[in-house]
Amino acid sequence: MNTKDIRTSSDPDLAGSFAAMERAAISAQDLAIKTNTGIVVSIDGKNIELTAKDLINLRVKENSATQN
């Protein structure tokens, strides 16, 4: 498995794909929150379902961490 950070690629399209994937993840989370559904994410190689409530709690924690 290649562990090189994709953002350091010499190919600008490949390097920019990281930001696109982040935007897509945020969009999926927004939709899950709006429709009160869960999403499945992979964390440390394990598939975990996050409910809309989990996603809201994560957002609150992220926002409070960036404001401090």
N, C-alpha and C. Protein backbone atom coordinates (compact mmCIF):
# COMPACT_ATOMS: atom_id res chain seq x y z
N MET A 1 0.85 -1.18 0.00
CA MET A 1 0.00 0.00 0.00
C MET A 1 0.89 1.24 0.00
N ASN A 2 0.54 2.20 -0.83
CA ASN A 2 1.29 3.44 -0.93
C ASN A 2 0.84 4.40 0.17
N THR A 3 1.76 4.81 1.01
CA THR A 3 1.41 5.72 2.11
C THR A 3 1.81 7.16 1.84
N LYS A 4 2.28 7.44 0.62
CA LYS A 4 2.67 8.80 0.26
C LYS A 4 1.42 9.69 0.23
N ASP A 5 1.55 10.88 0.77
CA ASP A 5 0.44 11.84 0.80
C ASP A 5 0.11 12.27 -0.62
N ILE A 6 -1.14 12.08 -1.01
CA ILE A 6 -1.59 12.38 -2.38
C ILE A 6 -1.44 13.87 -2.69
N ARG A 7 -1.48 14.71 -1.67
CA ARG A 7 -1.39 16.15 -1.88
C ARG A 7 -0.01 16.59 -2.36
N THR A 8 0.99 15.71 -2.22
CA THR A 8 2.35 16.04 -2.65
C THR A 8 2.66 15.55 -4.06
N SER A 9 1.66 15.02 -4.75
CA SER A 9 1.86 14.50 -6.10
C SER A 9 2.27 15.62 -7.06
N SER A 10 3.10 15.25 -8.03
CA SER A 10 3.49 16.24 -9.05
C SER A 10 2.37 16.47 -10.06
N ASP A 11 1.39 15.58 -10.09
CA ASP A 11 0.23 15.73 -10.97
C ASP A 11 -0.79 16.64 -10.26
N PRO A 12 -1.06 17.84 -10.80
CA PRO A 12 -1.96 18.76 -10.11
C PRO A 12 -3.38 18.23 -9.95
N ASP A 13 -3.85 17.42 -10.91
CA ASP A 13 -5.19 16.85 -10.78
C ASP A 13 -5.24 15.88 -9.61
N LEU A 14 -4.23 15.06 -9.48
CA LEU A 14 -4.17 14.10 -8.39
C LEU A 14 -4.02 14.82 -7.05
N ALA A 15 -3.17 15.81 -7.00
CA ALA A 15 -2.97 16.57 -5.76
C ALA A 15 -4.26 17.28 -5.35
N GLY A 16 -4.99 17.79 -6.31
CA GLY A 16 -6.24 18.50 -6.01
C GLY A 16 -7.39 17.59 -5.66
N SER A 17 -7.26 16.31 -5.95
CA SER A 17 -8.35 15.37 -5.68
C SER A 17 -8.59 15.22 -4.18
N PHE A 18 -7.58 15.46 -3.37
CA PHE A 18 -7.75 15.36 -1.92
C PHE A 18 -8.82 16.35 -1.44
N ALA A 19 -8.71 17.58 -1.88
CA ALA A 19 -9.68 18.61 -1.49
C ALA A 19 -11.08 18.26 -2.01
N ALA A 20 -11.13 17.69 -3.21
CA ALA A 20 -12.42 17.29 -3.78
C ALA A 20 -13.06 16.19 -2.94
N MET A 21 -12.25 15.25 -2.48
CA MET A 21 -12.78 14.16 -1.63
C MET A 21 -13.26 14.71 -0.29
N GLU A 22 -12.55 15.69 0.25
CA GLU A 22 -13.00 16.31 1.50
C GLU A 22 -14.34 17.01 1.31
N ARG A 23 -14.48 17.74 0.19
CA ARG A 23 -15.76 18.42 -0.09
C ARG A 23 -16.89 17.42 -0.25
N ALA A 24 -16.62 16.31 -0.92
CA ALA A 24 -17.64 15.27 -1.12
C ALA A 24 -18.05 14.66 0.21
N ALA A 25 -17.10 14.45 1.10
CA ALA A 25 -17.41 13.88 2.42
C ALA A 25 -18.30 14.83 3.22
N ILE A 26 -17.97 16.11 3.18
CA ILE A 26 -18.78 17.10 3.90
C ILE A 26 -20.19 17.17 3.32
N SER A 27 -20.29 17.10 2.00
CA SER A 27 -21.60 17.10 1.34
C SER A 27 -22.43 15.88 1.74
N ALA A 28 -21.79 14.72 1.81
CA ALA A 28 -22.49 13.50 2.22
C ALA A 28 -22.95 13.62 3.67
N GLN A 29 -22.12 14.20 4.51
CA GLN A 29 -22.51 14.40 5.91
C GLN A 29 -23.68 15.37 6.02
N ASP A 30 -23.64 16.45 5.25
CA ASP A 30 -24.74 17.42 5.25
C ASP A 30 -26.06 16.75 4.88
N LEU A 31 -26.02 15.93 3.83
CA LEU A 31 -27.23 15.25 3.38
C LEU A 31 -27.73 14.27 4.44
N ALA A 32 -26.82 13.55 5.08
CA ALA A 32 -27.21 12.60 6.12
C ALA A 32 -27.87 13.32 7.29
N ILE A 33 -27.33 14.48 7.66
CA ILE A 33 -27.92 15.25 8.75
C ILE A 33 -29.30 15.76 8.35
N LYS A 34 -29.43 16.29 7.13
CA LYS A 34 -30.72 16.83 6.68
C LYS A 34 -31.80 15.76 6.60
N THR A 35 -31.42 14.54 6.23
CA THR A 35 -32.40 13.47 6.05
C THR A 35 -32.47 12.54 7.26
N ASN A 36 -31.72 12.87 8.31
CA ASN A 36 -31.68 12.07 9.54
C ASN A 36 -31.35 10.60 9.25
N THR A 37 -30.33 10.41 8.45
CA THR A 37 -29.86 9.05 8.14
C THR A 37 -28.40 8.92 8.54
N GLY A 38 -27.92 7.71 8.55
CA GLY A 38 -26.53 7.47 8.90
C GLY A 38 -25.68 7.30 7.66
N ILE A 39 -24.37 7.35 7.87
CA ILE A 39 -23.43 7.04 6.80
C ILE A 39 -22.42 6.04 7.36
N VAL A 40 -21.81 5.30 6.47
CA VAL A 40 -20.79 4.35 6.87
C VAL A 40 -19.44 4.91 6.45
N VAL A 41 -18.51 4.93 7.40
CA VAL A 41 -17.17 5.42 7.15
C VAL A 41 -16.17 4.35 7.57
N SER A 42 -14.99 4.44 7.04
CA SER A 42 -13.92 3.52 7.42
C SER A 42 -12.95 4.26 8.33
N ILE A 43 -12.79 3.76 9.54
CA ILE A 43 -11.87 4.34 10.51
C ILE A 43 -10.91 3.25 10.94
N ASP A 44 -9.63 3.46 10.67
CA ASP A 44 -8.59 2.47 10.98
C ASP A 44 -8.92 1.11 10.38
N GLY A 45 -9.48 1.13 9.17
CA GLY A 45 -9.78 -0.11 8.47
C GLY A 45 -11.06 -0.80 8.90
N LYS A 46 -11.81 -0.21 9.80
CA LYS A 46 -13.08 -0.79 10.25
C LYS A 46 -14.24 0.06 9.76
N ASN A 47 -15.27 -0.59 9.24
CA ASN A 47 -16.46 0.12 8.79
C ASN A 47 -17.33 0.44 10.00
N ILE A 48 -17.68 1.71 10.14
CA ILE A 48 -18.46 2.17 11.27
C ILE A 48 -19.60 3.03 10.76
N GLU A 49 -20.80 2.79 11.28
CA GLU A 49 -21.95 3.61 10.91
C GLU A 49 -22.06 4.78 11.88
N LEU A 50 -22.14 5.97 11.32
CA LEU A 50 -22.34 7.17 12.10
C LEU A 50 -23.76 7.67 11.85
N THR A 51 -24.51 7.87 12.92
CA THR A 51 -25.87 8.38 12.79
C THR A 51 -25.82 9.89 12.56
N ALA A 52 -26.95 10.45 12.20
CA ALA A 52 -27.03 11.90 12.02
C ALA A 52 -26.65 12.60 13.32
N LYS A 53 -27.07 12.05 14.45
CA LYS A 53 -26.73 12.64 15.75
C LYS A 53 -25.22 12.59 15.98
N ASP A 54 -24.59 11.48 15.62
CA ASP A 54 -23.12 11.38 15.73
C ASP A 54 -22.44 12.46 14.89
N LEU A 55 -22.94 12.65 13.66
CA LEU A 55 -22.35 13.64 12.77
C LEU A 55 -22.49 15.06 13.32
N ILE A 56 -23.65 15.34 13.89
CA ILE A 56 -23.87 16.66 14.49
C ILE A 56 -22.91 16.86 15.66
N ASN A 57 -22.76 15.84 16.50
CA ASN A 57 -21.85 15.94 17.64
C ASN A 57 -20.41 16.15 17.18
N LEU A 58 -20.00 15.47 16.11
CA LEU A 58 -18.65 15.65 15.58
C LEU A 58 -18.45 17.07 15.08
N ARG A 59 -19.46 17.62 14.42
CA ARG A 59 -19.37 19.00 13.92
C ARG A 59 -19.23 19.99 15.07
N VAL A 60 -19.99 19.77 16.14
CA VAL A 60 -19.91 20.66 17.30
C VAL A 60 -18.51 20.61 17.90
N LYS A 61 -17.95 19.41 18.02
CA LYS A 61 -16.60 19.26 18.57
C LYS A 61 -15.57 19.93 17.67
N GLU A 62 -15.70 19.74 16.35
CA GLU A 62 -14.76 20.35 15.41
C GLU A 62 -14.83 21.87 15.47
N ASN A 63 -16.04 22.40 15.54
CA ASN A 63 -16.21 23.85 15.59
C ASN A 63 -15.67 24.44 16.87
N SER A 64 -15.89 23.77 17.99
CA SER A 64 -15.37 24.30 19.26
C SER A 64 -13.85 24.19 19.32
N ALA A 65 -13.28 23.17 18.68
CA ALA A 65 -11.82 23.01 18.66
C ALA A 65 -11.15 24.09 17.82
N THR A 66 -11.80 24.49 16.73
CA THR A 66 -11.20 25.51 15.85
C THR A 66 -11.38 26.91 16.42
N GLN A 67 -12.34 27.10 17.30
CA GLN A 67 -12.57 28.41 17.89
C GLN A 67 -11.68 28.67 19.10
N ASN A 68 -11.07 27.64 19.64
CA ASN A 68 -10.21 27.81 20.83
C ASN A 68 -8.78 28.01 20.46
